PDB file of N, CA and C in Angstrom:
ATOM      1  N   MET A   1     200.441-177.716-128.563  1.00  0.00           N
ATOM      2  CA  MET A   1     199.568-178.234-127.521  1.00  0.00           C
ATOM      3  C   MET A   1     198.149-178.364-128.079  1.00  0.00           C
ATOM      4  N   LYS A   2     197.583-179.531-127.919  1.00  0.00           N
ATOM      5  CA  LYS A   2     196.240-179.805-128.425  1.00  0.00           C
ATOM      6  C   LYS A   2     195.193-179.297-127.439  1.00  0.00           C
ATOM      7  N   LYS A   3     194.192-178.592-127.968  1.00  0.00           N
ATOM      8  CA  LYS A   3     193.112-178.081-127.125  1.00  0.00           C
ATOM      9  C   LYS A   3     192.076-179.176-126.903  1.00  0.00           C
ATOM     10  N   THR A   4     191.536-179.210-125.700  1.00  0.00           N
ATOM     11  CA  THR A   4     190.491-180.160-125.357  1.00  0.00           C
ATOM     12  C   THR A   4     189.136-179.498-125.549  1.00  0.00           C
ATOM     13  N   GLN A   5     188.265-180.191-126.223  1.00  0.00           N
ATOM     14  CA  GLN A   5     186.917-179.671-126.447  1.00  0.00           C
ATOM     15  C   GLN A   5     186.110-179.813-125.163  1.00  0.00           C
ATOM     16  N   LEU A   6     185.606-178.688-124.651  1.00  0.00           N
ATOM     17  CA  LEU A   6     184.846-178.704-123.409  1.00  0.00           C
ATOM     18  C   LEU A   6     183.385-179.082-123.608  1.00  0.00           C
ATOM     19  N   ILE A   7     182.878-178.802-124.779  1.00  0.00           N
ATOM     20  CA  ILE A   7     181.477-179.102-125.051  1.00  0.00           C
ATOM     21  C   ILE A   7     181.405-180.158-126.144  1.00  0.00           C
ATOM     22  N   ASN A   8     180.822-181.284-125.799  1.00  0.00           N
ATOM     23  CA  ASN A   8     180.620-182.360-126.762  1.00  0.00           C
ATOM     24  C   ASN A   8     179.192-182.228-127.287  1.00  0.00           C
ATOM     25  N   THR A   9     179.056-181.579-128.422  1.00  0.00           N
ATOM     26  CA  THR A   9     177.716-181.295-128.945  1.00  0.00           C
ATOM     27  C   THR A   9     176.933-182.554-129.278  1.00  0.00           C
ATOM     28  N   ASP A  10     177.609-183.609-129.706  1.00  0.00           N
ATOM     29  CA  ASP A  10     176.900-184.861-129.987  1.00  0.00           C
ATOM     30  C   ASP A  10     176.260-185.412-128.716  1.00  0.00           C
ATOM     31  N   GLN A  11     176.995-185.415-127.620  1.00  0.00           N
ATOM     32  CA  GLN A  11     176.463-185.915-126.345  1.00  0.00           C
ATOM     33  C   GLN A  11     175.342-185.010-125.833  1.00  0.00           C
ATOM     34  N   ILE A  12     175.514-183.715-125.986  1.00  0.00           N
ATOM     35  CA  ILE A  12     174.472-182.779-125.550  1.00  0.00           C
ATOM     36  C   ILE A  12     173.195-183.003-126.361  1.00  0.00           C
ATOM     37  N   ASN A  13     173.338-183.215-127.652  1.00  0.00           N
ATOM     38  CA  ASN A  13     172.161-183.473-128.489  1.00  0.00           C
ATOM     39  C   ASN A  13     171.465-184.765-128.093  1.00  0.00           C
ATOM     40  N   LYS A  14     172.241-185.808-127.762  1.00  0.00           N
ATOM     41  CA  LYS A  14     171.640-187.069-127.305  1.00  0.00           C
ATOM     42  C   LYS A  14     170.909-186.866-125.985  1.00  0.00           C
ATOM     43  N   ALA A  15     171.536-186.146-125.058  1.00  0.00           N
ATOM     44  CA  ALA A  15     170.907-185.878-123.756  1.00  0.00           C
ATOM     45  C   ALA A  15     169.633-185.067-123.931  1.00  0.00           C
ATOM     46  N   GLN A  16     169.673-184.104-124.834  1.00  0.00           N
ATOM     47  CA  GLN A  16     168.497-183.286-125.105  1.00  0.00           C
ATOM     48  C   GLN A  16     167.342-184.147-125.611  1.00  0.00           C
ATOM     49  N   HIS A  17     167.638-185.067-126.502  1.00  0.00           N
ATOM     50  CA  HIS A  17     166.606-185.963-127.040  1.00  0.00           C
ATOM     51  C   HIS A  17     166.015-186.833-125.925  1.00  0.00           C
ATOM     52  N   ILE A  18     166.881-187.372-125.082  1.00  0.00           N
ATOM     53  CA  ILE A  18     166.421-188.217-123.979  1.00  0.00           C
ATOM     54  C   ILE A  18     165.519-187.432-123.041  1.00  0.00           C
ATOM     55  N   LEU A  19     165.971-186.249-122.641  1.00  0.00           N
ATOM     56  CA  LEU A  19     165.192-185.454-121.696  1.00  0.00           C
ATOM     57  C   LEU A  19     163.878-184.970-122.301  1.00  0.00           C
ATOM     58  N   ARG A  20     163.894-184.605-123.569  1.00  0.00           N
ATOM     59  CA  ARG A  20     162.637-184.204-124.215  1.00  0.00           C
ATOM     60  C   ARG A  20     161.643-185.353-124.243  1.00  0.00           C
ATOM     61  N   THR A  21     162.150-186.546-124.408  1.00  0.00           N
ATOM     62  CA  THR A  21     161.274-187.716-124.459  1.00  0.00           C
ATOM     63  C   THR A  21     160.579-187.949-123.125  1.00  0.00           C
ATOM     64  N   ILE A  22     161.301-187.834-122.030  1.00  0.00           N
ATOM     65  CA  ILE A  22     160.699-188.178-120.731  1.00  0.00           C
ATOM     66  C   ILE A  22     160.154-186.986-119.960  1.00  0.00           C
ATOM     67  N   CYS A  23     160.442-185.766-120.385  1.00  0.00           N
ATOM     68  CA  CYS A  23     159.977-184.592-119.642  1.00  0.00           C
ATOM     69  C   CYS A  23     158.560-184.159-120.005  1.00  0.00           C
ATOM     70  N   GLN A  24     158.015-184.712-121.034  1.00  0.00           N
ATOM     71  CA  GLN A  24     156.654-184.365-121.441  1.00  0.00           C
ATOM     72  C   GLN A  24     155.689-184.920-120.397  1.00  0.00           C
ATOM     73  N   HIS A  25     154.755-184.102-119.940  1.00  0.00           N
ATOM     74  CA  HIS A  25     153.871-184.450-118.810  1.00  0.00           C
ATOM     75  C   HIS A  25     153.168-185.800-118.976  1.00  0.00           C
ATOM     76  N   GLU A  26     152.569-186.039-120.132  1.00  0.00           N
ATOM     77  CA  GLU A  26     151.833-187.284-120.336  1.00  0.00           C
ATOM     78  C   GLU A  26     152.768-188.489-120.317  1.00  0.00           C
ATOM     79  N   ARG A  27     153.965-188.322-120.881  1.00  0.00           N
ATOM     80  CA  ARG A  27     154.919-189.440-120.880  1.00  0.00           C
ATOM     81  C   ARG A  27     155.417-189.738-119.476  1.00  0.00           C
ATOM     82  N   LYS A  28     155.597-188.704-118.678  1.00  0.00           N
ATOM     83  CA  LYS A  28     155.990-188.938-117.279  1.00  0.00           C
ATOM     84  C   LYS A  28     154.904-189.724-116.555  1.00  0.00           C
ATOM     85  N   ALA A  29     153.648-189.381-116.799  1.00  0.00           N
ATOM     86  CA  ALA A  29     152.527-190.095-116.163  1.00  0.00           C
ATOM     87  C   ALA A  29     152.492-191.550-116.627  1.00  0.00           C
ATOM     88  N   ILE A  30     152.725-191.766-117.916  1.00  0.00           N
ATOM     89  CA  ILE A  30     152.734-193.131-118.456  1.00  0.00           C
ATOM     90  C   ILE A  30     153.875-193.932-117.838  1.00  0.00           C
ATOM     91  N   LEU A  31     155.076-193.355-117.797  1.00  0.00           N
ATOM     92  CA  LEU A  31     156.224-194.054-117.215  1.00  0.00           C
ATOM     93  C   LEU A  31     155.987-194.387-115.748  1.00  0.00           C
ATOM     94  N   GLU A  32     155.443-193.443-115.014  1.00  0.00           N
ATOM     95  CA  GLU A  32     155.178-193.685-113.590  1.00  0.00           C
ATOM     96  C   GLU A  32     154.168-194.817-113.417  1.00  0.00           C
ATOM     97  N   PHE A  33     153.095-194.799-114.214  1.00  0.00           N
ATOM     98  CA  PHE A  33     152.086-195.845-114.095  1.00  0.00           C
ATOM     99  C   PHE A  33     152.667-197.211-114.438  1.00  0.00           C
ATOM    100  N   ILE A  34     153.402-197.286-115.549  1.00  0.00           N
ATOM    101  CA  ILE A  34     153.972-198.582-115.951  1.00  0.00           C
ATOM    102  C   ILE A  34     154.999-199.066-114.930  1.00  0.00           C
ATOM    103  N   SER A  35     155.765-198.144-114.349  1.00  0.00           N
ATOM    104  CA  SER A  35     156.767-198.575-113.362  1.00  0.00           C
ATOM    105  C   SER A  35     156.109-199.193-112.133  1.00  0.00           C
ATOM    106  N   LEU A  36     154.915-198.734-111.807  1.00  0.00           N
ATOM    107  CA  LEU A  36     154.176-199.285-110.664  1.00  0.00           C
ATOM    108  C   LEU A  36     153.304-200.479-111.047  1.00  0.00           C
ATOM    109  N   ASN A  37     153.053-200.635-112.356  1.00  0.00           N
ATOM    110  CA  ASN A  37     152.175-201.699-112.856  1.00  0.00           C
ATOM    111  C   ASN A  37     152.814-202.372-114.068  1.00  0.00           C
ATOM    112  N   PRO A  38     153.885-203.149-113.859  1.00  0.00           N
ATOM    113  CA  PRO A  38     154.568-203.765-115.001  1.00  0.00           C
ATOM    114  C   PRO A  38     153.640-204.682-115.800  1.00  0.00           C
ATOM    115  N   LYS A  39     153.972-204.830-117.057  1.00  0.00           N
ATOM    116  CA  LYS A  39     153.220-205.675-117.983  1.00  0.00           C
ATOM    117  C   LYS A  39     151.752-205.260-118.058  1.00  0.00           C
ATOM    118  N   CYS A  40     151.549-203.965-118.290  1.00  0.00           N
ATOM    119  CA  CYS A  40     150.170-203.478-118.391  1.00  0.00           C
ATOM    120  C   CYS A  40     149.836-203.137-119.838  1.00  0.00           C
ATOM    121  N   SER A  41     148.570-203.231-120.147  1.00  0.00           N
ATOM    122  CA  SER A  41     148.074-203.003-121.513  1.00  0.00           C
ATOM    123  C   SER A  41     147.822-201.519-121.752  1.00  0.00           C
ATOM    124  N   VAL A  42     147.658-201.169-123.011  1.00  0.00           N
ATOM    125  CA  VAL A  42     147.326-199.794-123.377  1.00  0.00           C
ATOM    126  C   VAL A  42     146.011-199.387-122.712  1.00  0.00           C
ATOM    127  N   LYS A  43     145.058-200.300-122.651  1.00  0.00           N
ATOM    128  CA  LYS A  43     143.765-199.999-122.017  1.00  0.00           C
ATOM    129  C   LYS A  43     143.952-199.588-120.563  1.00  0.00           C
ATOM    130  N   LYS A  44     144.778-200.342-119.825  1.00  0.00           N
ATOM    131  CA  LYS A  44     145.022-199.989-118.417  1.00  0.00           C
ATOM    132  C   LYS A  44     145.709-198.631-118.304  1.00  0.00           C
ATOM    133  N   ILE A  45     146.629-198.368-119.218  1.00  0.00           N
ATOM    134  CA  ILE A  45     147.339-197.089-119.192  1.00  0.00           C
ATOM    135  C   ILE A  45     146.377-195.940-119.495  1.00  0.00           C
ATOM    136  N   THR A  46     145.520-196.119-120.501  1.00  0.00           N
ATOM    137  CA  THR A  46     144.563-195.059-120.839  1.00  0.00           C
ATOM    138  C   THR A  46     143.563-194.846-119.711  1.00  0.00           C
ATOM    139  N   ASP A  47     143.117-195.923-119.087  1.00  0.00           N
ATOM    140  CA  ASP A  47     142.188-195.791-117.958  1.00  0.00           C
ATOM    141  C   ASP A  47     142.831-195.028-116.805  1.00  0.00           C
ATOM    142  N   ALA A  48     144.097-195.300-116.549  1.00  0.00           N
ATOM    143  CA  ALA A  48     144.797-194.674-115.414  1.00  0.00           C
ATOM    144  C   ALA A  48     145.162-193.216-115.685  1.00  0.00           C
ATOM    145  N   THR A  49     145.532-192.914-116.934  1.00  0.00           N
ATOM    146  CA  THR A  49     146.009-191.563-117.249  1.00  0.00           C
ATOM    147  C   THR A  49     144.927-190.649-117.791  1.00  0.00           C
ATOM    148  N   GLY A  50     143.840-191.237-118.306  1.00  0.00           N
ATOM    149  CA  GLY A  50     142.781-190.434-118.897  1.00  0.00           C
ATOM    150  C   GLY A  50     143.087-189.973-120.314  1.00  0.00           C
ATOM    151  N   LEU A  51     144.172-190.476-120.878  1.00  0.00           N
ATOM    152  CA  LEU A  51     144.535-190.117-122.248  1.00  0.00           C
ATOM    153  C   LEU A  51     143.741-190.947-123.246  1.00  0.00           C
ATOM    154  N   LEU A  52     143.539-190.415-124.424  1.00  0.00           N
ATOM    155  CA  LEU A  52     142.897-191.176-125.490  1.00  0.00           C
ATOM    156  C   LEU A  52     143.807-192.325-125.909  1.00  0.00           C
ATOM    157  N   PRO A  53     143.239-193.458-126.316  1.00  0.00           N
ATOM    158  CA  PRO A  53     144.073-194.590-126.730  1.00  0.00           C
ATOM    159  C   PRO A  53     145.072-194.236-127.831  1.00  0.00           C
ATOM    160  N   SER A  54     144.650-193.438-128.810  1.00  0.00           N
ATOM    161  CA  SER A  54     145.564-193.085-129.909  1.00  0.00           C
ATOM    162  C   SER A  54     146.732-192.236-129.402  1.00  0.00           C
ATOM    163  N   LEU A  55     146.461-191.318-128.493  1.00  0.00           N
ATOM    164  CA  LEU A  55     147.515-190.479-127.926  1.00  0.00           C
ATOM    165  C   LEU A  55     148.444-191.316-127.045  1.00  0.00           C
ATOM    166  N   THR A  56     147.875-192.232-126.288  1.00  0.00           N
ATOM    167  CA  THR A  56     148.683-193.126-125.454  1.00  0.00           C
ATOM    168  C   THR A  56     149.618-193.951-126.335  1.00  0.00           C
ATOM    169  N   SER A  57     149.090-194.490-127.420  1.00  0.00           N
ATOM    170  CA  SER A  57     149.913-195.290-128.331  1.00  0.00           C
ATOM    171  C   SER A  57     151.041-194.463-128.938  1.00  0.00           C
ATOM    172  N   THR A  58     150.757-193.213-129.280  1.00  0.00           N
ATOM    173  CA  THR A  58     151.783-192.329-129.828  1.00  0.00           C
ATOM    174  C   THR A  58     152.900-192.104-128.812  1.00  0.00           C
ATOM    175  N   HIS A  59     152.524-191.831-127.570  1.00  0.00           N
ATOM    176  CA  HIS A  59     153.521-191.625-126.514  1.00  0.00           C
ATOM    177  C   HIS A  59     154.321-192.906-126.259  1.00  0.00           C
ATOM    178  N   LEU A  60     153.647-194.040-126.243  1.00  0.00           N
ATOM    179  CA  LEU A  60     154.347-195.312-126.029  1.00  0.00           C
ATOM    180  C   LEU A  60     155.326-195.599-127.160  1.00  0.00           C
ATOM    181  N   CYS A  61     154.956-195.258-128.366  1.00  0.00           N
ATOM    182  CA  CYS A  61     155.852-195.446-129.515  1.00  0.00           C
ATOM    183  C   CYS A  61     157.121-194.621-129.319  1.00  0.00           C
ATOM    184  N   ARG A  62     156.964-193.393-128.922  1.00  0.00           N
ATOM    185  CA  ARG A  62     158.131-192.518-128.680  1.00  0.00           C
ATOM    186  C   ARG A  62     158.986-193.067-127.543  1.00  0.00           C
ATOM    187  N   LEU A  63     158.358-193.530-126.482  1.00  0.00           N
ATOM    188  CA  LEU A  63     159.096-194.107-125.349  1.00  0.00           C
ATOM    189  C   LEU A  63     159.809-195.392-125.750  1.00  0.00           C
ATOM    190  N   ARG A  64     159.174-196.193-126.603  1.00  0.00           N
ATOM    191  CA  ARG A  64     159.805-197.424-127.111  1.00  0.00           C
ATOM    192  C   ARG A  64     161.027-197.102-127.946  1.00  0.00           C
ATOM    193  N   LYS A  65     160.902-196.132-128.841  1.00  0.00           N
ATOM    194  CA  LYS A  65     162.014-195.756-129.712  1.00  0.00           C
ATOM    195  C   LYS A  65     163.219-195.265-128.913  1.00  0.00           C
ATOM    196  N   ALA A  66     162.957-194.639-127.774  1.00  0.00           N
ATOM    197  CA  ALA A  66     164.032-194.147-126.909  1.00  0.00           C
ATOM    198  C   ALA A  66     164.470-195.207-125.900  1.00  0.00           C
ATOM    199  N   ASN A  67     163.876-196.402-125.975  1.00  0.00           N
ATOM    200  CA  ASN A  67     164.224-197.550-125.128  1.00  0.00           C
ATOM    201  C   ASN A  67     163.808-197.388-123.659  1.00  0.00           C
ATOM    202  N   PHE A  68     162.846-196.509-123.382  1.00  0.00           N
ATOM    203  CA  PHE A  68     162.369-196.341-122.008  1.00  0.00           C
ATOM    204  C   PHE A  68     161.332-197.386-121.622  1.00  0.00           C
ATOM    205  N   VAL A  69     160.660-197.962-122.614  1.00  0.00           N
ATOM    206  CA  VAL A  69     159.710-199.045-122.351  1.00  0.00           C
ATOM    207  C   VAL A  69     159.922-200.139-123.389  1.00  0.00           C
ATOM    208  N   SER A  70     159.507-201.329-123.011  1.00  0.00           N
ATOM    209  CA  SER A  70     159.491-202.449-123.948  1.00  0.00           C
ATOM    210  C   SER A  70     158.121-203.096-123.832  1.00  0.00           C
ATOM    211  N   PHE A  71     157.820-203.975-124.781  1.00  0.00           N
ATOM    212  CA  PHE A  71     156.526-204.645-124.713  1.00  0.00           C
ATOM    213  C   PHE A  71     156.661-206.072-125.191  1.00  0.00           C
ATOM    214  N   GLU A  72     155.706-206.855-124.755  1.00  0.00           N
ATOM    215  CA  GLU A  72     155.591-208.227-125.248  1.00  0.00           C
ATOM    216  C   GLU A  72     154.136-208.444-125.619  1.00  0.00           C
ATOM    217  N   LYS A  73     153.929-209.259-126.612  1.00  0.00           N
ATOM    218  CA  LYS A  73     152.574-209.569-127.064  1.00  0.00           C
ATOM    219  C   LYS A  73     151.961-210.652-126.191  1.00  0.00           C
ATOM    220  N   SER A  74     150.703-210.456-125.856  1.00  0.00           N
ATOM    221  CA  SER A  74     149.930-211.456-125.133  1.00  0.00           C
ATOM    222  C   SER A  74     148.554-211.502-125.807  1.00  0.00           C
ATOM    223  N   GLY A  75     148.397-212.425-126.729  1.00  0.00           N
ATOM    224  CA  GLY A  75     147.164-212.463-127.520  1.00  0.00           C
ATOM    225  C   GLY A  75     147.111-211.237-128.406  1.00  0.00           C
ATOM    226  N   THR A  76     146.056-210.441-128.264  1.00  0.00           N
ATOM    227  CA  THR A  76     145.926-209.219-129.064  1.00  0.00           C
ATOM    228  C   THR A  76     146.477-207.992-128.335  1.00  0.00           C
ATOM    229  N   ASN A  77     146.886-208.172-127.100  1.00  0.00           N
ATOM    230  CA  ASN A  77     147.388-207.051-126.296  1.00  0.00           C
ATOM    231  C   ASN A  77     148.902-206.947-126.347  1.00  0.00           C
ATOM    232  N   SER A  78     149.376-205.711-126.210  1.00  0.00           N
ATOM    233  CA  SER A  78     150.795-205.448-125.980  1.00  0.00           C
ATOM    234  C   SER A  78     150.934-205.063-124.519  1.00  0.00           C
ATOM    235  N   LEU A  79     151.801-205.770-123.803  1.00  0.00           N
ATOM    236  CA  LEU A  79     152.001-205.508-122.381  1.00  0.00           C
ATOM    237  C   LEU A  79     153.322-204.769-122.194  1.00  0.00           C
ATOM    238  N   TYR A  80     153.250-203.598-121.580  1.00  0.00           N
ATOM    239  CA  TYR A  80     154.398-202.703-121.472  1.00  0.00           C
ATOM    240  C   TYR A  80     155.095-202.800-120.118  1.00  0.00           C
ATOM    241  N   THR A  81     156.420-202.674-120.180  1.00  0.00           N
ATOM    242  CA  THR A  81     157.272-202.681-118.995  1.00  0.00           C
ATOM    243  C   THR A  81     158.294-201.557-119.151  1.00  0.00           C
ATOM    244  N   VAL A  82     158.622-200.911-118.037  1.00  0.00           N
ATOM    245  CA  VAL A  82     159.609-199.833-118.038  1.00  0.00           C
ATOM    246  C   VAL A  82     161.021-200.417-118.050  1.00  0.00           C
ATOM    247  N   ASN A  83     161.920-199.754-118.749  1.00  0.00           N
ATOM    248  CA  ASN A  83     163.342-200.104-118.723  1.00  0.00           C
ATOM    249  C   ASN A  83     163.934-199.428-117.489  1.00  0.00           C
ATOM    250  N   ALA A  84     163.873-200.113-116.362  1.00  0.00           N
ATOM    251  CA  ALA A  84     164.297-199.545-115.080  1.00  0.00           C
ATOM    252  C   ALA A  84     165.781-199.195-115.073  1.00  0.00           C
ATOM    253  N   ASP A  85     166.602-199.987-115.751  1.00  0.00           N
ATOM    254  CA  ASP A  85     168.039-199.704-115.791  1.00  0.00           C
ATOM    255  C   ASP A  85     168.321-198.367-116.467  1.00  0.00           C
ATOM    256  N   LEU A  86     167.671-198.111-117.581  1.00  0.00           N
ATOM    257  CA  LEU A  86     167.878-196.850-118.282  1.00  0.00           C
ATOM    258  C   LEU A  86     167.377-195.677-117.455  1.00  0.00           C
ATOM    259  N   LEU A  87     166.210-195.812-116.857  1.00  0.00           N
ATOM    260  CA  LEU A  87     165.685-194.725-116.024  1.00  0.00           C
ATOM    261  C   LEU A  87     166.595-194.456-114.836  1.00  0.00           C
ATOM    262  N   ALA A  88     167.159-195.501-114.253  1.00  0.00           N
ATOM    263  CA  ALA A  88     168.087-195.326-113.129  1.00  0.00           C
ATOM    264  C   ALA A  88     169.325-194.554-113.585  1.00  0.00           C
ATOM    265  N   LYS A  89     169.851-194.872-114.770  1.00  0.00           N
ATOM    266  CA  LYS A  89     171.019-194.151-115.299  1.00  0.00           C
ATOM    267  C   LYS A  89     170.698-192.681-115.536  1.00  0.00           C
ATOM    268  N   VAL A  90     169.530-192.415-116.099  1.00  0.00           N
ATOM    269  CA  VAL A  90     169.123-191.028-116.350  1.00  0.00           C
ATOM    270  C   VAL A  90     168.977-190.285-115.024  1.00  0.00           C
ATOM    271  N   ASN A  91     168.321-190.914-114.058  1.00  0.00           N
ATOM    272  CA  ASN A  91     168.156-190.278-112.749  1.00  0.00           C
ATOM    273  C   ASN A  91     169.495-189.997-112.080  1.00  0.00           C
ATOM    274  N   GLU A  92     170.404-190.948-112.181  1.00  0.00           N
ATOM    275  CA  GLU A  92     171.729-190.790-111.595  1.00  0.00           C
ATOM    276  C   GLU A  92     172.483-189.621-112.253  1.00  0.00           C
ATOM    277  N   ALA A  93     172.418-189.536-113.560  1.00  0.00           N
ATOM    278  CA  ALA A  93     173.080-188.444-114.277  1.00  0.00           C
ATOM    279  C   ALA A  93     172.489-187.098-113.901  1.00  0.00           C
ATOM    280  N   ILE A  94     171.178-187.026-113.794  1.00  0.00           N
ATOM    281  CA  ILE A  94     170.518-185.787-113.427  1.00  0.00           C
ATOM    282  C   ILE A  94     170.916-185.368-112.003  1.00  0.00           C
ATOM    283  N   GLU A  95     170.963-186.330-111.089  1.00  0.00           N
ATOM    284  CA  GLU A  95     171.382-186.030-109.715  1.00  0.00           C
ATOM    285  C   GLU A  95     172.795-185.461-109.678  1.00  0.00           C
ATOM    286  N   LYS A  96     173.697-186.039-110.465  1.00  0.00           N
ATOM    287  CA  LYS A  96     175.081-185.549-110.510  1.00  0.00           C
ATOM    288  C   LYS A  96     175.142-184.125-111.042  1.00  0.00           C
ATOM    289  N   ILE A  97     174.356-183.846-112.069  1.00  0.00           N
ATOM    290  CA  ILE A  97     174.351-182.507-112.657  1.00  0.00           C
ATOM    291  C   ILE A  97     173.790-181.476-111.681  1.00  0.00           C
ATOM    292  N   CYS A  98     172.781-181.880-110.914  1.00  0.00           N
ATOM    293  CA  CYS A  98     172.082-180.949-110.031  1.00  0.00           C
ATOM    294  C   CYS A  98     172.769-180.751-108.676  1.00  0.00           C
ATOM    295  N   GLU A  99     173.854-181.441-108.433  1.00  0.00           N
ATOM    296  CA  GLU A  99     174.542-181.297-107.139  1.00  0.00           C
ATOM    297  C   GLU A  99     175.130-179.927-106.986  1.00  0.00           C
TER     298      GLU A  99
END
């Protein structure tokens, strides 16, 4: 009889990476602002959050790598938008776990 593995460490590690990315206070503030203000520039994000531009860019880079935000170029600006589908999936999974 074959034993079934109850803990999938690869999936747990992926979930851990995702949650670490979005659970950081400044990143949560950035995600919330962008979700309410799609296609916003780094300047607007820094003005709204009070973060330094360099720190904001670092957080946005991490969020981009995890696919939580995307951007498009508009002249010299990068305009950021939240990946609402991914955030909805994460929220749904968290709700199921917390039931």
